[in-house]
């Protein structure tokens, strides 16, 4: 069952010069109960904007965000209720934690904001809720860290404090935006193991936003690859990473150290400006398959440069937005 979903979501921003930048350009995506979904792509692909939109922090210019199958209500009361169920864990723990608040105050902040102690059936005290959340996040013994300040903690401990603050509300979904990118390699593994443990013990759904396909390999059940505001490939982790079908996914995967069986692919240039999205396939100005003649050999070079691709649907199958891939699968190549 879908816990949270995007349906043909478009989000636009107006630049200082009055030009429209389309950060999301028709996105269909489902986050299902009890799964780990990795949202991957380069910086500027729209990953964080999509995460913020799913959280209700950005309202779509068109399309809908669905919560349990119903359109998200953007009233203050409804959003507050929704954010008890869906919590956002940010990348920069140092910047996210108030340097003047103790660990206890940081974890208790959400408990107080959402008046958790006044909820029907809640019999625990605030200190019990905070202690349990910290223990669940791997901060043990919690009492020994209550009076510490963020600058007194390691990077991994600060990230665990953010996770504890989210867990205190007993959410159904955690959206983690680059949760380990600023951590040492040894600590990265611990945090990823913690996220999987929380999924298994509490039935949490996880949406992990990352540029790192290696991380996705270690944690995700499904992967959605984003490029310039759209999902361009989606499927199970095994399908996407063992048999990538979109040239962009192949290029991202080729630089993952664990995937040394794939010859490195160098993408030239940066993601285009979202105020000037290329016609046809939006990846075509950087596409290695167009550059090396593969698209021409398959008879789709003109389509790559001039024919727009349909938005990928939310169906749980391996699918891509790529003229060459469609041609190869049609001909059995």
C-alpha atoms as a PDB file:
ATOM      1  CA  UNK A   1       0.000   0.000   0.000  1.00  0.00           C
ATOM      2  CA  UNK A   2       1.187   3.506  -0.839  1.00  0.00           C
ATOM      3  CA  UNK A   3       1.881   5.612   2.252  1.00  0.00           C
ATOM      4  CA  UNK A   4       2.839   8.777   0.388  1.00  0.00           C
ATOM      5  CA  UNK A   5       2.707   9.481  -3.326  1.00  0.00           C
ATOM      6  CA  UNK A   6       3.324  12.140  -5.954  1.00  0.00           C
ATOM      7  CA  UNK A   7       1.058  12.307  -8.978  1.00  0.00           C
ATOM      8  CA  UNK A   8       2.257  14.385 -11.946  1.00  0.00           C
ATOM      9  CA  UNK A   9       3.808  16.881  -9.529  1.00  0.00           C
ATOM     10  CA  UNK A  10       5.273  20.077 -10.953  1.00  0.00           C
ATOM     11  CA  UNK A  11       7.034  22.732  -8.876  1.00  0.00           C
ATOM     12  CA  UNK A  12       8.201  26.019 -10.363  1.00  0.00           C
ATOM     13  CA  UNK A  13      10.285  28.853  -8.952  1.00  0.00           C
ATOM     14  CA  UNK A  14      10.611  32.382 -10.267  1.00  0.00           C
ATOM     15  CA  UNK A  15      14.181  33.620 -10.626  1.00  0.00           C
ATOM     16  CA  UNK A  16      15.220  37.169  -9.772  1.00  0.00           C
ATOM     17  CA  UNK A  17      14.976  37.994 -13.443  1.00  0.00           C
ATOM     18  CA  UNK A  18      11.374  36.804 -13.539  1.00  0.00           C
ATOM     19  CA  UNK A  19      12.133  33.618 -15.467  1.00  0.00           C
ATOM     20  CA  UNK A  20      10.345  30.385 -14.529  1.00  0.00           C
ATOM     21  CA  UNK A  21      12.608  27.549 -13.350  1.00  0.00           C
ATOM     22  CA  UNK A  22      10.876  24.168 -13.329  1.00  0.00           C
ATOM     23  CA  UNK A  23      12.428  22.229 -10.442  1.00  0.00           C
ATOM     24  CA  UNK A  24       9.987  19.317 -10.788  1.00  0.00           C
ATOM     25  CA  UNK A  25       8.425  18.626 -14.158  1.00  0.00           C
ATOM     26  CA  UNK A  26       5.774  15.963 -13.750  1.00  0.00           C
ATOM     27  CA  UNK A  27       6.798  13.366 -11.159  1.00  0.00           C
ATOM     28  CA  UNK A  28       4.932  10.172 -10.281  1.00  0.00           C
ATOM     29  CA  UNK A  29       6.331   8.339  -7.275  1.00  0.00           C
ATOM     30  CA  UNK A  30       5.046   6.015  -4.549  1.00  0.00           C
ATOM     31  CA  UNK A  31       6.569   5.421  -1.112  1.00  0.00           C
ATOM     32  CA  UNK A  32       5.102   2.148   0.110  1.00  0.00           C
ATOM     33  CA  UNK A  33       4.646   0.855   3.628  1.00  0.00           C
ATOM     34  CA  UNK A  34       7.724  -0.777   5.144  1.00  0.00           C
ATOM     35  CA  UNK A  35      10.031  -0.174   2.158  1.00  0.00           C
ATOM     36  CA  UNK A  36      13.248   1.751   1.669  1.00  0.00           C
ATOM     37  CA  UNK A  37      13.107   3.887  -1.470  1.00  0.00           C
ATOM     38  CA  UNK A  38      16.291   5.621  -2.633  1.00  0.00           C
ATOM     39  CA  UNK A  39      15.929   8.807  -4.659  1.00  0.00           C
ATOM     40  CA  UNK A  40      19.200   9.307  -6.521  1.00  0.00           C
ATOM     41  CA  UNK A  41      20.747  11.785  -8.939  1.00  0.00           C
ATOM     42  CA  UNK A  42      23.287  14.565  -9.254  1.00  0.00           C
ATOM     43  CA  UNK A  43      22.971  17.874  -7.428  1.00  0.00           C
ATOM     44  CA  UNK A  44      20.351  19.927  -9.213  1.00  0.00           C
ATOM     45  CA  UNK A  45      18.283  16.941 -10.328  1.00  0.00           C
ATOM     46  CA  UNK A  46      15.316  17.864  -8.111  1.00  0.00           C
ATOM     47  CA  UNK A  47      15.712  15.255  -5.362  1.00  0.00           C
ATOM     48  CA  UNK A  48      15.554  17.611  -2.389  1.00  0.00           C
ATOM     49  CA  UNK A  49      12.714  19.649  -3.922  1.00  0.00           C
ATOM     50  CA  UNK A  50      10.719  16.434  -4.329  1.00  0.00           C
ATOM     51  CA  UNK A  51      11.437  15.426  -0.713  1.00  0.00           C
ATOM     52  CA  UNK A  52      10.335  18.873   0.520  1.00  0.00           C
ATOM     53  CA  UNK A  53       7.202  18.689  -1.623  1.00  0.00           C
ATOM     54  CA  UNK A  54       6.304  15.257  -0.255  1.00  0.00           C
ATOM     55  CA  UNK A  55       6.711  16.711   3.247  1.00  0.00           C
ATOM     56  CA  UNK A  56       4.333  19.582   2.445  1.00  0.00           C
ATOM     57  CA  UNK A  57       7.105  22.179   2.701  1.00  0.00           C
ATOM     58  CA  UNK A  58       6.545  23.088  -0.956  1.00  0.00           C
ATOM     59  CA  UNK A  59       3.097  23.104  -2.549  1.00  0.00           C
ATOM     60  CA  UNK A  60       2.935  21.792  -6.138  1.00  0.00           C
ATOM     61  CA  UNK A  61       2.078  24.225  -8.903  1.00  0.00           C
ATOM     62  CA  UNK A  62       0.246  21.317 -10.514  1.00  0.00           C
ATOM     63  CA  UNK A  63      -0.343  17.676  -9.653  1.00  0.00           C
ATOM     64  CA  UNK A  64      -0.971  16.256  -6.199  1.00  0.00           C
ATOM     65  CA  UNK A  65       0.731  14.759  -3.182  1.00  0.00           C
ATOM     66  CA  UNK A  66      -1.353  11.904  -1.793  1.00  0.00           C
ATOM     67  CA  UNK A  67      -1.295  10.773   1.835  1.00  0.00           C
ATOM     68  CA  UNK A  68      -2.817   7.312   2.284  1.00  0.00           C
ATOM     69  CA  UNK A  69      -4.489   7.784  -1.092  1.00  0.00           C
ATOM     70  CA  UNK A  70      -6.038  11.173  -0.288  1.00  0.00           C
ATOM     71  CA  UNK A  71      -4.815  14.613  -1.421  1.00  0.00           C
ATOM     72  CA  UNK A  72      -2.575  16.271   1.154  1.00  0.00           C
ATOM     73  CA  UNK A  73      -4.377  19.019   3.083  1.00  0.00           C
ATOM     74  CA  UNK A  74      -2.183  22.128   3.378  1.00  0.00           C
ATOM     75  CA  UNK A  75      -4.030  23.669   6.309  1.00  0.00           C
ATOM     76  CA  UNK A  76      -1.819  24.292   9.344  1.00  0.00           C
ATOM     77  CA  UNK A  77      -3.708  21.801  11.528  1.00  0.00           C
ATOM     78  CA  UNK A  78      -3.591  19.024   8.928  1.00  0.00           C
ATOM     79  CA  UNK A  79       0.093  19.574   8.137  1.00  0.00           C
ATOM     80  CA  UNK A  80       0.998  19.413  11.816  1.00  0.00           C
ATOM     81  CA  UNK A  81      -0.836  16.094  12.114  1.00  0.00           C
ATOM     82  CA  UNK A  82       0.854  14.820   8.948  1.00  0.00           C
ATOM     83  CA  UNK A  83       4.318  15.766  10.202  1.00  0.00           C
ATOM     84  CA  UNK A  84       3.870  13.576  13.233  1.00  0.00           C
ATOM     85  CA  UNK A  85       3.657  10.674  10.778  1.00  0.00           C
ATOM     86  CA  UNK A  86       6.369  11.864   8.364  1.00  0.00           C
ATOM     87  CA  UNK A  87       9.625  13.242   9.720  1.00  0.00           C
ATOM     88  CA  UNK A  88      12.500  14.841   7.810  1.00  0.00           C
ATOM     89  CA  UNK A  89      16.109  14.079   8.814  1.00  0.00           C
ATOM     90  CA  UNK A  90      18.452  16.623   7.254  1.00  0.00           C
ATOM     91  CA  UNK A  91      21.993  16.199   5.967  1.00  0.00           C
ATOM     92  CA  UNK A  92      23.711  18.858   8.086  1.00  0.00           C
ATOM     93  CA  UNK A  93      23.261  17.807  11.702  1.00  0.00           C
ATOM     94  CA  UNK A  94      25.509  20.607  12.929  1.00  0.00           C
ATOM     95  CA  UNK A  95      23.420  23.243  11.190  1.00  0.00           C
ATOM     96  CA  UNK A  96      20.119  21.580  12.104  1.00  0.00           C
ATOM     97  CA  UNK A  97      20.737  21.386  15.860  1.00  0.00           C
ATOM     98  CA  UNK A  98      20.441  24.523  17.957  1.00  0.00           C
ATOM     99  CA  UNK A  99      23.919  25.060  19.465  1.00  0.00           C
ATOM    100  CA  UNK A 100      22.311  26.556  22.587  1.00  0.00           C
ATOM    101  CA  UNK A 101      20.095  23.535  23.250  1.00  0.00           C
ATOM    102  CA  UNK A 102      21.172  20.416  25.073  1.00  0.00           C
ATOM    103  CA  UNK A 103      20.654  17.002  23.520  1.00  0.00           C
ATOM    104  CA  UNK A 104      17.637  16.487  25.778  1.00  0.00           C
ATOM    105  CA  UNK A 105      16.026  19.752  24.674  1.00  0.00           C
ATOM    106  CA  UNK A 106      16.658  18.970  20.997  1.00  0.00           C
ATOM    107  CA  UNK A 107      14.967  15.569  21.205  1.00  0.00           C
ATOM    108  CA  UNK A 108      12.119  16.868  23.395  1.00  0.00           C
ATOM    109  CA  UNK A 109      11.363  19.813  21.098  1.00  0.00           C
ATOM    110  CA  UNK A 110       9.097  17.848  18.761  1.00  0.00           C
ATOM    111  CA  UNK A 111       7.383  16.117  21.683  1.00  0.00           C
ATOM    112  CA  UNK A 112       6.385  19.510  23.056  1.00  0.00           C
ATOM    113  CA  UNK A 113       5.533  21.063  19.696  1.00  0.00           C
ATOM    114  CA  UNK A 114       3.150  18.240  18.837  1.00  0.00           C
ATOM    115  CA  UNK A 115       1.810  17.996  22.438  1.00  0.00           C
ATOM    116  CA  UNK A 116       2.546  14.288  22.470  1.00  0.00           C
ATOM    117  CA  UNK A 117       1.943  13.993  26.217  1.00  0.00           C
ATOM    118  CA  UNK A 118      -1.670  15.083  25.681  1.00  0.00           C
ATOM    119  CA  UNK A 119      -2.413  12.487  23.004  1.00  0.00           C
ATOM    120  CA  UNK A 120      -5.016   9.820  23.902  1.00  0.00           C
ATOM    121  CA  UNK A 121      -3.399   6.693  25.290  1.00  0.00           C
ATOM    122  CA  UNK A 122       0.006   8.286  25.900  1.00  0.00           C
ATOM    123  CA  UNK A 123       1.041   7.269  29.409  1.00  0.00           C
ATOM    124  CA  UNK A 124       4.775   7.905  29.281  1.00  0.00           C
ATOM    125  CA  UNK A 125       6.467  10.937  30.768  1.00  0.00           C
ATOM    126  CA  UNK A 126       8.519  13.287  28.612  1.00  0.00           C
ATOM    127  CA  UNK A 127      11.775  11.944  29.986  1.00  0.00           C
ATOM    128  CA  UNK A 128      10.672   8.386  29.193  1.00  0.00           C
ATOM    129  CA  UNK A 129       9.810   9.337  25.601  1.00  0.00           C
ATOM    130  CA  UNK A 130      13.134  11.146  25.109  1.00  0.00           C
ATOM    131  CA  UNK A 131      15.136   8.329  26.718  1.00  0.00           C
ATOM    132  CA  UNK A 132      13.474   5.664  24.581  1.00  0.00           C
ATOM    133  CA  UNK A 133      13.945   7.650  21.363  1.00  0.00           C
ATOM    134  CA  UNK A 134      17.629   8.199  22.120  1.00  0.00           C
ATOM    135  CA  UNK A 135      18.133   4.532  22.960  1.00  0.00           C
ATOM    136  CA  UNK A 136      16.368   3.507  19.728  1.00  0.00           C
ATOM    137  CA  UNK A 137      18.736   5.822  17.831  1.00  0.00           C
ATOM    138  CA  UNK A 138      21.760   4.134  19.421  1.00  0.00           C
ATOM    139  CA  UNK A 139      22.558   6.850  21.983  1.00  0.00           C
ATOM    140  CA  UNK A 140      23.187   4.753  25.079  1.00  0.00           C
ATOM    141  CA  UNK A 141      22.998   5.332  27.934  1.00  0.00           C
ATOM    142  CA  UNK A 142      20.767   8.293  27.038  1.00  0.00           C
ATOM    143  CA  UNK A 143      21.004   9.879  30.487  1.00  0.00           C
ATOM    144  CA  UNK A 144      24.726  10.389  30.028  1.00  0.00           C
ATOM    145  CA  UNK A 145      24.079  12.610  26.988  1.00  0.00           C
ATOM    146  CA  UNK A 146      21.097  14.638  28.204  1.00  0.00           C
ATOM    147  CA  UNK A 147      23.126  17.703  29.186  1.00  0.00           C
ATOM    148  CA  UNK A 148      25.624  17.610  26.327  1.00  0.00           C
ATOM    149  CA  UNK A 149      25.618  20.299  23.631  1.00  0.00           C
ATOM    150  CA  UNK A 150      26.031  19.621  19.880  1.00  0.00           C
ATOM    151  CA  UNK A 151      29.651  20.801  19.807  1.00  0.00           C
ATOM    152  CA  UNK A 152      30.498  18.164  22.431  1.00  0.00           C
ATOM    153  CA  UNK A 153      29.302  15.315  20.202  1.00  0.00           C
ATOM    154  CA  UNK A 154      30.862  13.446  17.289  1.00  0.00           C
ATOM    155  CA  UNK A 155      29.351  13.751  13.809  1.00  0.00           C
ATOM    156  CA  UNK A 156      27.710  10.353  14.141  1.00  0.00           C
ATOM    157  CA  UNK A 157      26.225  11.242  17.515  1.00  0.00           C
ATOM    158  CA  UNK A 158      24.782  14.479  16.151  1.00  0.00           C
ATOM    159  CA  UNK A 159      23.139  12.566  13.300  1.00  0.00           C
ATOM    160  CA  UNK A 160      21.698  10.112  15.834  1.00  0.00           C
ATOM    161  CA  UNK A 161      20.261  13.039  17.844  1.00  0.00           C
ATOM    162  CA  UNK A 162      18.398  14.188  14.723  1.00  0.00           C
ATOM    163  CA  UNK A 163      17.093  10.661  14.203  1.00  0.00           C
ATOM    164  CA  UNK A 164      16.089  10.429  17.880  1.00  0.00           C
ATOM    165  CA  UNK A 165      14.129  13.672  17.583  1.00  0.00           C
ATOM    166  CA  UNK A 166      12.197  12.151  14.693  1.00  0.00           C
ATOM    167  CA  UNK A 167      11.661   8.805  16.433  1.00  0.00           C
ATOM    168  CA  UNK A 168      10.222  10.486  19.528  1.00  0.00           C
ATOM    169  CA  UNK A 169       7.044  11.150  17.524  1.00  0.00           C
ATOM    170  CA  UNK A 170       6.687   7.512  16.414  1.00  0.00           C
ATOM    171  CA  UNK A 171       6.422   8.389  12.699  1.00  0.00           C
ATOM    172  CA  UNK A 172       5.405   6.033   9.907  1.00  0.00           C
ATOM    173  CA  UNK A 173       7.889   7.552   7.453  1.00  0.00           C
ATOM    174  CA  UNK A 174      11.384   9.003   7.663  1.00  0.00           C
ATOM    175  CA  UNK A 175      12.648  11.150   4.792  1.00  0.00           C
ATOM    176  CA  UNK A 176      16.436  11.260   5.098  1.00  0.00           C
ATOM    177  CA  UNK A 177      18.196  13.831   2.902  1.00  0.00           C
ATOM    178  CA  UNK A 178      21.819  12.744   2.328  1.00  0.00           C
ATOM    179  CA  UNK A 179      21.896  11.302   5.880  1.00  0.00           C
ATOM    180  CA  UNK A 180      25.522  10.123   5.830  1.00  0.00           C
ATOM    181  CA  UNK A 181      27.287  12.257   3.216  1.00  0.00           C
ATOM    182  CA  UNK A 182      29.171  14.321   5.818  1.00  0.00           C
ATOM    183  CA  UNK A 183      30.244  11.340   7.946  1.00  0.00           C
ATOM    184  CA  UNK A 184      33.385   9.196   7.962  1.00  0.00           C
ATOM    185  CA  UNK A 185      33.129   5.867   6.186  1.00  0.00           C
ATOM    186  CA  UNK A 186      33.052   3.819   9.393  1.00  0.00           C
ATOM    187  CA  UNK A 187      30.236   5.931  10.837  1.00  0.00           C
ATOM    188  CA  UNK A 188      28.293   5.841   7.565  1.00  0.00           C
ATOM    189  CA  UNK A 189      27.891   2.088   7.903  1.00  0.00           C
ATOM    190  CA  UNK A 190      26.618   2.433  11.465  1.00  0.00           C
ATOM    191  CA  UNK A 191      23.970   4.995  10.515  1.00  0.00           C
ATOM    192  CA  UNK A 192      22.811   2.936   7.533  1.00  0.00           C
ATOM    193  CA  UNK A 193      22.566  -0.150   9.736  1.00  0.00           C
ATOM    194  CA  UNK A 194      20.542   1.899  12.222  1.00  0.00           C
ATOM    195  CA  UNK A 195      18.078   3.012   9.536  1.00  0.00           C
ATOM    196  CA  UNK A 196      17.559  -0.591   8.408  1.00  0.00           C
ATOM    197  CA  UNK A 197      17.119  -1.688  12.027  1.00  0.00           C
ATOM    198  CA  UNK A 198      14.422   0.954  12.520  1.00  0.00           C
ATOM    199  CA  UNK A 199      12.645  -0.285   9.386  1.00  0.00           C
ATOM    200  CA  UNK A 200      12.718  -3.866  10.626  1.00  0.00           C
ATOM    201  CA  UNK A 201      11.795  -3.160  14.269  1.00  0.00           C
ATOM    202  CA  UNK A 202       9.183  -0.441  13.819  1.00  0.00           C
ATOM    203  CA  UNK A 203       7.929  -1.018  10.278  1.00  0.00           C
ATOM    204  CA  UNK A 204       9.098   2.446   9.220  1.00  0.00           C
ATOM    205  CA  UNK A 205       9.094   3.446   5.592  1.00  0.00           C
ATOM    206  CA  UNK A 206      12.239   5.270   4.479  1.00  0.00           C
ATOM    207  CA  UNK A 207      12.793   7.676   1.611  1.00  0.00           C
ATOM    208  CA  UNK A 208      16.543   8.202   1.336  1.00  0.00           C
ATOM    209  CA  UNK A 209      17.705  11.101  -0.836  1.00  0.00           C
ATOM    210  CA  UNK A 210      21.258  10.560  -2.062  1.00  0.00           C
ATOM    211  CA  UNK A 211      23.677  11.105  -4.946  1.00  0.00           C
ATOM    212  CA  UNK A 212      25.461   7.862  -3.988  1.00  0.00           C
ATOM    213  CA  UNK A 213      24.304   4.717  -5.777  1.00  0.00           C
ATOM    214  CA  UNK A 214      26.641   2.691  -3.568  1.00  0.00           C
ATOM    215  CA  UNK A 215      24.602   3.779  -0.556  1.00  0.00           C
ATOM    216  CA  UNK A 216      21.408   2.885  -2.384  1.00  0.00           C
ATOM    217  CA  UNK A 217      22.798  -0.597  -3.081  1.00  0.00           C
ATOM    218  CA  UNK A 218      23.359  -1.164   0.636  1.00  0.00           C
ATOM    219  CA  UNK A 219      20.025   0.075   1.943  1.00  0.00           C
ATOM    220  CA  UNK A 220      17.257   0.373  -0.659  1.00  0.00           C
ATOM    221  CA  UNK A 221      14.496  -1.962  -1.818  1.00  0.00           C
ATOM    222  CA  UNK A 222      13.675   0.257  -4.790  1.00  0.00           C
ATOM    223  CA  UNK A 223      15.446   3.086  -6.597  1.00  0.00           C
ATOM    224  CA  UNK A 224      14.149   6.109  -8.486  1.00  0.00           C
ATOM    225  CA  UNK A 225      16.753   7.960 -10.564  1.00  0.00           C
ATOM    226  CA  UNK A 226      16.086  11.675 -11.141  1.00  0.00           C
ATOM    227  CA  UNK A 227      17.428  13.990 -13.822  1.00  0.00           C
ATOM    228  CA  UNK A 228      16.436  17.623 -14.335  1.00  0.00           C
ATOM    229  CA  UNK A 229      13.147  17.402 -12.464  1.00  0.00           C
ATOM    230  CA  UNK A 230      11.923  14.006 -13.647  1.00  0.00           C
ATOM    231  CA  UNK A 231      12.304  10.353 -12.725  1.00  0.00           C
ATOM    232  CA  UNK A 232      14.145   8.743 -15.660  1.00  0.00           C
ATOM    233  CA  UNK A 233      14.527   5.183 -14.341  1.00  0.00           C
ATOM    234  CA  UNK A 234      12.882   3.234 -11.560  1.00  0.00           C
ATOM    235  CA  UNK A 235      12.749  -0.354 -10.387  1.00  0.00           C
ATOM    236  CA  UNK A 236      13.984  -2.679  -7.684  1.00  0.00           C
ATOM    237  CA  UNK A 237      17.544  -2.122  -6.499  1.00  0.00           C
ATOM    238  CA  UNK A 238      18.707  -5.294  -8.255  1.00  0.00           C
ATOM    239  CA  UNK A 239      17.038  -4.316 -11.535  1.00  0.00           C
ATOM    240  CA  UNK A 240      18.388  -0.774 -11.605  1.00  0.00           C
ATOM    241  CA  UNK A 241      21.909  -1.461 -10.350  1.00  0.00           C
ATOM    242  CA  UNK A 242      22.602  -4.824 -11.950  1.00  0.00           C
ATOM    243  CA  UNK A 243      20.894  -4.024 -15.265  1.00  0.00           C
ATOM    244  CA  UNK A 244      20.780  -0.233 -15.701  1.00  0.00           C
ATOM    245  CA  UNK A 245      18.855   0.711 -18.829  1.00  0.00           C
ATOM    246  CA  UNK A 246      19.093   4.503 -18.915  1.00  0.00           C
ATOM    247  CA  UNK A 247      22.460   5.984 -20.039  1.00  0.00           C
ATOM    248  CA  UNK A 248      22.332   8.431 -17.118  1.00  0.00           C
ATOM    249  CA  UNK A 249      21.939   5.624 -14.567  1.00  0.00           C
ATOM    250  CA  UNK A 250      24.767   3.724 -16.266  1.00  0.00           C
ATOM    251  CA  UNK A 251      27.033   6.774 -15.990  1.00  0.00           C
ATOM    252  CA  UNK A 252      26.214   7.305 -12.296  1.00  0.00           C
ATOM    253  CA  UNK A 253      26.790   3.643 -11.576  1.00  0.00           C
ATOM    254  CA  UNK A 254      30.103   3.498 -13.433  1.00  0.00           C
ATOM    255  CA  UNK A 255      31.845   5.700 -10.856  1.00  0.00           C
ATOM    256  CA  UNK A 256      30.745   3.642  -7.831  1.00  0.00           C
ATOM    257  CA  UNK A 257      33.884   1.840  -6.540  1.00  0.00           C
ATOM    258  CA  UNK A 258      31.962  -1.372  -5.830  1.00  0.00           C
ATOM    259  CA  UNK A 259      30.868  -1.520  -9.481  1.00  0.00           C
ATOM    260  CA  UNK A 260      34.316  -1.866 -11.074  1.00  0.00           C
ATOM    261  CA  UNK A 261      32.888  -4.305 -13.622  1.00  0.00           C
ATOM    262  CA  UNK A 262      31.430  -1.272 -15.443  1.00  0.00           C
ATOM    263  CA  UNK A 263      33.729   0.844 -17.594  1.00  0.00           C
ATOM    264  CA  UNK A 264      33.756   4.453 -16.290  1.00  0.00           C
ATOM    265  CA  UNK A 265      31.553   6.861 -18.218  1.00  0.00           C
ATOM    266  CA  UNK A 266      32.424  10.562 -18.138  1.00  0.00           C
ATOM    267  CA  UNK A 267      29.475  12.932 -18.442  1.00  0.00           C
ATOM    268  CA  UNK A 268      30.496  16.218 -20.031  1.00  0.00           C
ATOM    269  CA  UNK A 269      29.018  19.466 -18.779  1.00  0.00           C
ATOM    270  CA  UNK A 270      26.604  20.158 -15.958  1.00  0.00           C
ATOM    271  CA  UNK A 271      22.880  19.550 -15.582  1.00  0.00           C
ATOM    272  CA  UNK A 272      21.199  22.200 -17.760  1.00  0.00           C
ATOM    273  CA  UNK A 273      19.575  25.259 -16.248  1.00  0.00           C
ATOM    274  CA  UNK A 274      15.958  24.370 -15.258  1.00  0.00           C
ATOM    275  CA  UNK A 275      14.851  27.627 -16.908  1.00  0.00           C
ATOM    276  CA  UNK A 276      15.984  26.147 -20.244  1.00  0.00           C
ATOM    277  CA  UNK A 277      15.074  22.466 -20.271  1.00  0.00           C
ATOM    278  CA  UNK A 278      16.287  20.872 -23.532  1.00  0.00           C
ATOM    279  CA  UNK A 279      13.736  19.637 -26.032  1.00  0.00           C
ATOM    280  CA  UNK A 280      13.287  15.944 -26.715  1.00  0.00           C
ATOM    281  CA  UNK A 281      15.000  13.807 -24.092  1.00  0.00           C
ATOM    282  CA  UNK A 282      16.243  16.246 -21.469  1.00  0.00           C
ATOM    283  CA  UNK A 283      19.442  14.195 -21.095  1.00  0.00           C
ATOM    284  CA  UNK A 284      20.359  14.260 -24.779  1.00  0.00           C
ATOM    285  CA  UNK A 285      22.957  17.113 -24.641  1.00  0.00           C
ATOM    286  CA  UNK A 286      25.085  14.968 -22.294  1.00  0.00           C
ATOM    287  CA  UNK A 287      24.090  11.482 -23.438  1.00  0.00           C
ATOM    288  CA  UNK A 288      27.081   9.209 -24.264  1.00  0.00           C
ATOM    289  CA  UNK A 289      24.849   6.961 -26.377  1.00  0.00           C
ATOM    290  CA  UNK A 290      23.866   9.855 -28.600  1.00  0.00           C
ATOM    291  CA  UNK A 291      27.467  11.059 -28.805  1.00  0.00           C
ATOM    292  CA  UNK A 292      28.933   7.664 -29.756  1.00  0.00           C
ATOM    293  CA  UNK A 293      26.364   6.943 -32.478  1.00  0.00           C
ATOM    294  CA  UNK A 294      24.436   4.211 -30.655  1.00  0.00           C
ATOM    295  CA  UNK A 295      21.193   6.197 -30.849  1.00  0.00           C
ATOM    296  CA  UNK A 296      21.718   6.840 -34.555  1.00  0.00           C
ATOM    297  CA  UNK A 297      22.390   3.138 -35.195  1.00  0.00           C
ATOM    298  CA  UNK A 298      19.092   2.315 -33.489  1.00  0.00           C
ATOM    299  CA  UNK A 299      17.327   4.956 -35.591  1.00  0.00           C
ATOM    300  CA  UNK A 300      16.263   7.154 -32.672  1.00  0.00           C
ATOM    301  CA  UNK A 301      18.748  10.048 -32.759  1.00  0.00           C
ATOM    302  CA  UNK A 302      16.124  12.453 -34.097  1.00  0.00           C
ATOM    303  CA  UNK A 303      13.645  11.374 -31.419  1.00  0.00           C
ATOM    304  CA  UNK A 304      16.283  11.843 -28.707  1.00  0.00           C
ATOM    305  CA  UNK A 305      16.802  15.435 -29.818  1.00  0.00           C
ATOM    306  CA  UNK A 306      13.232  16.416 -30.616  1.00  0.00           C
ATOM    307  CA  UNK A 307      10.529  14.104 -29.227  1.00  0.00           C
ATOM    308  CA  UNK A 308       9.494  14.573 -25.568  1.00  0.00           C
ATOM    309  CA  UNK A 309       9.237  11.478 -23.395  1.00  0.00           C
ATOM    310  CA  UNK A 310       6.210  10.556 -21.302  1.00  0.00           C
ATOM    311  CA  UNK A 311       6.331  10.831 -17.517  1.00  0.00           C
ATOM    312  CA  UNK A 312       7.116   7.466 -15.928  1.00  0.00           C
ATOM    313  CA  UNK A 313       4.182   6.012 -14.020  1.00  0.00           C
ATOM    314  CA  UNK A 314       4.261   4.819 -10.394  1.00  0.00           C
ATOM    315  CA  UNK A 315       3.897   1.125 -11.285  1.00  0.00           C
ATOM    316  CA  UNK A 316       6.391  -1.133  -9.434  1.00  0.00           C
ATOM    317  CA  UNK A 317       8.154  -2.344 -12.587  1.00  0.00           C
ATOM    318  CA  UNK A 318      11.541  -1.613 -14.121  1.00  0.00           C
ATOM    319  CA  UNK A 319      10.964   1.300 -16.487  1.00  0.00           C
ATOM    320  CA  UNK A 320      12.934   4.090 -18.120  1.00  0.00           C
ATOM    321  CA  UNK A 321      12.309   7.342 -19.972  1.00  0.00           C
ATOM    322  CA  UNK A 322      14.700   6.739 -22.879  1.00  0.00           C
ATOM    323  CA  UNK A 323      14.090   6.506 -26.634  1.00  0.00           C
ATOM    324  CA  UNK A 324      17.077   4.185 -27.137  1.00  0.00           C
ATOM    325  CA  UNK A 325      15.968   1.821 -24.394  1.00  0.00           C
ATOM    326  CA  UNK A 326      12.464   1.712 -25.857  1.00  0.00           C
ATOM    327  CA  UNK A 327      13.874   0.933 -29.296  1.00  0.00           C
ATOM    328  CA  UNK A 328      16.137  -1.823 -27.984  1.00  0.00           C
ATOM    329  CA  UNK A 329      13.327  -3.459 -26.029  1.00  0.00           C
ATOM    330  CA  UNK A 330      10.933  -3.198 -28.957  1.00  0.00           C
ATOM    331  CA  UNK A 331      13.408  -4.891 -31.301  1.00  0.00           C
ATOM    332  CA  UNK A 332      14.734  -7.278 -28.679  1.00  0.00           C
ATOM    333  CA  UNK A 333      18.221  -5.728 -28.874  1.00  0.00           C
END
